């Protein structure tokens, strides 16, 4: 993990025990495999606040559904 703090979502969510199932949360490297990108790309998206994250014991976990359903925003200047 980089030295930079992860950007917190504007509306933090309180999780219940049913939200903490093992198959719902994936590691940063597993999220990278799912998306077909590098772990650094996932870290950049986490810094931008695109994924809900969960920190447990120094590890950062991401919501599997958010990773699978993520659609990148178009960048750059709009076409004419």
N, C-alpha and C. Protein backbone atom coordinates (compact mmCIF):
# COMPACT_ATOMS: atom_id res chain seq x y z
N UNK A 1 0.85 -1.16 0.00
CA UNK A 1 0.00 0.00 0.00
C UNK A 1 0.90 1.23 0.00
N UNK A 2 0.48 2.26 -0.67
CA UNK A 2 1.29 3.46 -0.76
C UNK A 2 1.20 4.27 0.53
N UNK A 3 2.04 5.29 0.60
CA UNK A 3 2.08 6.14 1.79
C UNK A 3 0.89 7.08 1.86
N UNK A 4 0.21 7.25 0.70
CA UNK A 4 -0.93 8.16 0.66
C UNK A 4 -2.13 7.53 1.36
N UNK A 5 -2.89 8.36 2.02
CA UNK A 5 -4.11 7.88 2.66
C UNK A 5 -5.17 7.65 1.59
N UNK A 6 -5.97 6.62 1.78
CA UNK A 6 -7.05 6.35 0.85
C UNK A 6 -8.16 7.36 1.06
N UNK A 7 -8.69 7.84 -0.03
CA UNK A 7 -9.77 8.82 0.05
C UNK A 7 -11.02 8.13 0.58
N UNK A 8 -11.62 8.70 1.58
CA UNK A 8 -12.82 8.15 2.17
C UNK A 8 -14.03 8.56 1.34
N UNK A 9 -15.00 7.70 1.24
CA UNK A 9 -16.24 8.05 0.55
C UNK A 9 -16.96 9.14 1.33
N UNK A 10 -17.69 9.97 0.62
CA UNK A 10 -18.37 11.09 1.26
C UNK A 10 -19.42 10.61 2.25
N UNK A 11 -20.09 9.51 1.95
CA UNK A 11 -21.12 8.96 2.82
C UNK A 11 -20.64 7.60 3.33
N UNK A 12 -19.91 7.57 4.43
CA UNK A 12 -19.45 6.28 4.93
C UNK A 12 -20.63 5.39 5.28
N UNK A 13 -20.45 4.11 5.05
CA UNK A 13 -21.52 3.15 5.25
C UNK A 13 -21.25 2.32 6.49
N UNK A 14 -22.27 2.10 7.29
CA UNK A 14 -22.16 1.20 8.42
C UNK A 14 -22.51 -0.19 7.92
N UNK A 15 -21.63 -1.15 8.20
CA UNK A 15 -21.83 -2.51 7.72
C UNK A 15 -22.37 -3.39 8.83
N UNK A 16 -23.30 -4.25 8.48
CA UNK A 16 -23.80 -5.21 9.45
C UNK A 16 -23.04 -6.52 9.27
N UNK A 17 -23.26 -7.49 10.15
CA UNK A 17 -22.56 -8.77 10.06
C UNK A 17 -22.89 -9.50 8.77
N UNK A 18 -24.10 -9.36 8.26
CA UNK A 18 -24.46 -10.06 7.02
C UNK A 18 -23.72 -9.48 5.82
N UNK A 19 -23.26 -8.21 5.91
CA UNK A 19 -22.50 -7.60 4.83
C UNK A 19 -21.05 -8.07 4.81
N UNK A 20 -20.61 -8.76 5.85
CA UNK A 20 -19.21 -9.13 5.97
C UNK A 20 -18.95 -10.59 5.58
N UNK A 21 -19.66 -11.10 4.58
CA UNK A 21 -19.41 -12.46 4.14
C UNK A 21 -18.11 -12.51 3.36
N UNK A 22 -17.39 -13.61 3.49
CA UNK A 22 -16.05 -13.73 2.91
C UNK A 22 -16.06 -13.66 1.39
N UNK A 23 -17.09 -14.18 0.74
CA UNK A 23 -17.10 -14.19 -0.72
C UNK A 23 -17.47 -12.84 -1.33
N UNK A 24 -17.95 -11.90 -0.52
CA UNK A 24 -18.33 -10.59 -1.03
C UNK A 24 -17.12 -9.65 -1.14
N UNK A 25 -16.09 -9.85 -0.37
CA UNK A 25 -14.95 -8.95 -0.33
C UNK A 25 -13.74 -9.61 -0.97
N UNK A 26 -12.99 -8.84 -1.76
CA UNK A 26 -11.79 -9.35 -2.43
C UNK A 26 -10.61 -8.44 -2.13
N UNK A 27 -9.42 -9.00 -2.25
CA UNK A 27 -8.21 -8.21 -2.03
C UNK A 27 -7.95 -7.31 -3.24
N UNK A 28 -7.01 -6.42 -3.09
CA UNK A 28 -6.65 -5.51 -4.17
C UNK A 28 -6.12 -6.29 -5.37
N UNK A 29 -5.30 -7.31 -5.14
CA UNK A 29 -4.75 -8.09 -6.25
C UNK A 29 -5.83 -8.91 -6.95
N UNK A 30 -6.79 -9.45 -6.18
CA UNK A 30 -7.89 -10.19 -6.79
C UNK A 30 -8.78 -9.26 -7.60
N UNK A 31 -9.00 -8.06 -7.11
CA UNK A 31 -9.78 -7.07 -7.86
C UNK A 31 -9.08 -6.72 -9.18
N UNK A 32 -7.76 -6.65 -9.15
CA UNK A 32 -7.00 -6.37 -10.37
C UNK A 32 -7.17 -7.52 -11.38
N UNK A 33 -7.16 -8.76 -10.89
CA UNK A 33 -7.37 -9.91 -11.78
C UNK A 33 -8.78 -9.89 -12.38
N UNK A 34 -9.77 -9.54 -11.57
CA UNK A 34 -11.15 -9.48 -12.06
C UNK A 34 -11.28 -8.43 -13.16
N UNK A 35 -10.68 -7.26 -12.96
CA UNK A 35 -10.79 -6.16 -13.92
C UNK A 35 -9.81 -6.28 -15.09
N UNK A 36 -8.77 -7.11 -14.93
CA UNK A 36 -7.77 -7.23 -16.00
C UNK A 36 -6.82 -6.05 -16.04
N UNK A 37 -6.53 -5.48 -14.88
CA UNK A 37 -5.61 -4.34 -14.77
C UNK A 37 -4.57 -4.64 -13.70
N UNK A 38 -3.67 -3.71 -13.46
CA UNK A 38 -2.64 -3.89 -12.44
C UNK A 38 -3.18 -3.52 -11.07
N UNK A 39 -2.55 -4.04 -10.00
CA UNK A 39 -2.94 -3.62 -8.65
C UNK A 39 -2.78 -2.11 -8.44
N UNK A 40 -1.82 -1.50 -9.14
CA UNK A 40 -1.62 -0.06 -9.01
C UNK A 40 -2.82 0.71 -9.58
N UNK A 41 -3.41 0.19 -10.65
CA UNK A 41 -4.60 0.84 -11.23
C UNK A 41 -5.76 0.77 -10.24
N UNK A 42 -5.90 -0.36 -9.55
CA UNK A 42 -6.96 -0.49 -8.54
C UNK A 42 -6.69 0.48 -7.40
N UNK A 43 -5.43 0.59 -6.99
CA UNK A 43 -5.08 1.52 -5.91
C UNK A 43 -5.42 2.95 -6.30
N UNK A 44 -5.16 3.33 -7.54
CA UNK A 44 -5.50 4.68 -8.00
C UNK A 44 -7.01 4.91 -7.95
N UNK A 45 -7.80 3.91 -8.33
CA UNK A 45 -9.25 4.05 -8.26
C UNK A 45 -9.72 4.14 -6.81
N UNK A 46 -9.05 3.41 -5.91
CA UNK A 46 -9.39 3.49 -4.49
C UNK A 46 -9.10 4.88 -3.95
N UNK A 47 -7.98 5.47 -4.36
CA UNK A 47 -7.63 6.82 -3.91
C UNK A 47 -8.66 7.84 -4.38
N UNK A 48 -9.22 7.60 -5.57
CA UNK A 48 -10.23 8.51 -6.10
C UNK A 48 -11.60 8.29 -5.48
N UNK A 49 -11.74 7.23 -4.66
CA UNK A 49 -13.00 6.98 -3.99
C UNK A 49 -14.02 6.24 -4.83
N UNK A 50 -13.57 5.51 -5.86
CA UNK A 50 -14.49 4.80 -6.75
C UNK A 50 -15.03 3.51 -6.14
N UNK A 51 -14.32 2.93 -5.16
CA UNK A 51 -14.74 1.67 -4.55
C UNK A 51 -14.91 1.84 -3.06
N UNK A 52 -15.90 1.13 -2.53
CA UNK A 52 -16.08 1.07 -1.08
C UNK A 52 -15.02 0.09 -0.56
N UNK A 53 -14.26 0.49 0.43
CA UNK A 53 -13.19 -0.36 0.95
C UNK A 53 -13.44 -0.69 2.42
N UNK A 54 -12.81 -1.78 2.82
CA UNK A 54 -12.91 -2.26 4.19
C UNK A 54 -11.50 -2.59 4.65
N UNK A 55 -11.07 -2.00 5.76
CA UNK A 55 -9.73 -2.27 6.29
C UNK A 55 -9.86 -3.21 7.48
N UNK A 56 -9.17 -4.37 7.37
CA UNK A 56 -9.16 -5.33 8.47
C UNK A 56 -7.72 -5.80 8.65
N UNK A 57 -7.18 -5.56 9.82
CA UNK A 57 -5.84 -6.05 10.13
C UNK A 57 -4.77 -5.57 9.17
N UNK A 58 -4.85 -4.35 8.72
CA UNK A 58 -3.85 -3.82 7.81
C UNK A 58 -4.08 -4.18 6.35
N UNK A 59 -5.10 -4.96 6.07
CA UNK A 59 -5.41 -5.33 4.69
C UNK A 59 -6.60 -4.51 4.21
N UNK A 60 -6.58 -4.21 2.92
CA UNK A 60 -7.67 -3.45 2.32
C UNK A 60 -8.47 -4.40 1.44
N UNK A 61 -9.78 -4.46 1.69
CA UNK A 61 -10.66 -5.32 0.91
C UNK A 61 -11.66 -4.45 0.15
N UNK A 62 -12.05 -4.92 -1.04
CA UNK A 62 -12.99 -4.20 -1.89
C UNK A 62 -14.23 -5.05 -2.10
N UNK A 63 -15.36 -4.39 -2.29
CA UNK A 63 -16.62 -5.07 -2.54
C UNK A 63 -16.57 -5.69 -3.94
N UNK A 64 -16.74 -7.02 -4.02
CA UNK A 64 -16.63 -7.74 -5.29
C UNK A 64 -17.62 -7.22 -6.34
N UNK A 65 -18.86 -6.96 -5.94
CA UNK A 65 -19.88 -6.49 -6.89
C UNK A 65 -19.51 -5.13 -7.48
N UNK A 66 -18.97 -4.25 -6.64
CA UNK A 66 -18.56 -2.93 -7.14
C UNK A 66 -17.43 -3.07 -8.16
N UNK A 67 -16.49 -3.97 -7.89
CA UNK A 67 -15.37 -4.19 -8.81
C UNK A 67 -15.89 -4.75 -10.14
N UNK A 68 -16.77 -5.75 -10.07
CA UNK A 68 -17.29 -6.37 -11.28
C UNK A 68 -18.16 -5.43 -12.10
N UNK A 69 -18.92 -4.55 -11.44
CA UNK A 69 -19.85 -3.66 -12.13
C UNK A 69 -19.28 -2.29 -12.45
N UNK A 70 -18.02 -2.04 -12.11
CA UNK A 70 -17.43 -0.72 -12.31
C UNK A 70 -17.32 -0.40 -13.80
N UNK A 71 -17.80 0.78 -14.17
CA UNK A 71 -17.67 1.25 -15.54
C UNK A 71 -16.81 2.51 -15.51
N UNK A 72 -15.67 2.49 -16.18
CA UNK A 72 -14.80 3.68 -16.16
C UNK A 72 -15.47 4.89 -16.82
N UNK A 73 -15.18 6.04 -16.28
CA UNK A 73 -15.71 7.27 -16.85
C UNK A 73 -14.84 7.66 -18.05
N UNK A 74 -15.46 8.25 -19.04
CA UNK A 74 -14.71 8.72 -20.21
C UNK A 74 -13.86 9.91 -19.77
N UNK A 75 -12.64 9.93 -20.22
CA UNK A 75 -11.75 11.04 -19.86
C UNK A 75 -11.47 11.88 -21.10
N UNK A 76 -10.94 13.05 -20.85
CA UNK A 76 -10.57 13.93 -21.96
C UNK A 76 -11.69 14.86 -22.36
N UNK A 77 -11.42 15.58 -23.40
CA UNK A 77 -12.34 16.58 -23.90
C UNK A 77 -13.46 15.90 -24.71
N UNK A 78 -14.70 16.36 -24.56
CA UNK A 78 -15.79 15.75 -25.32
C UNK A 78 -15.61 15.97 -26.82
N UNK A 79 -16.07 15.00 -27.61
CA UNK A 79 -15.99 15.14 -29.07
C UNK A 79 -17.04 16.13 -29.56
N UNK A 80 -16.78 16.73 -30.68
CA UNK A 80 -17.72 17.69 -31.28
C UNK A 80 -18.87 16.98 -31.93
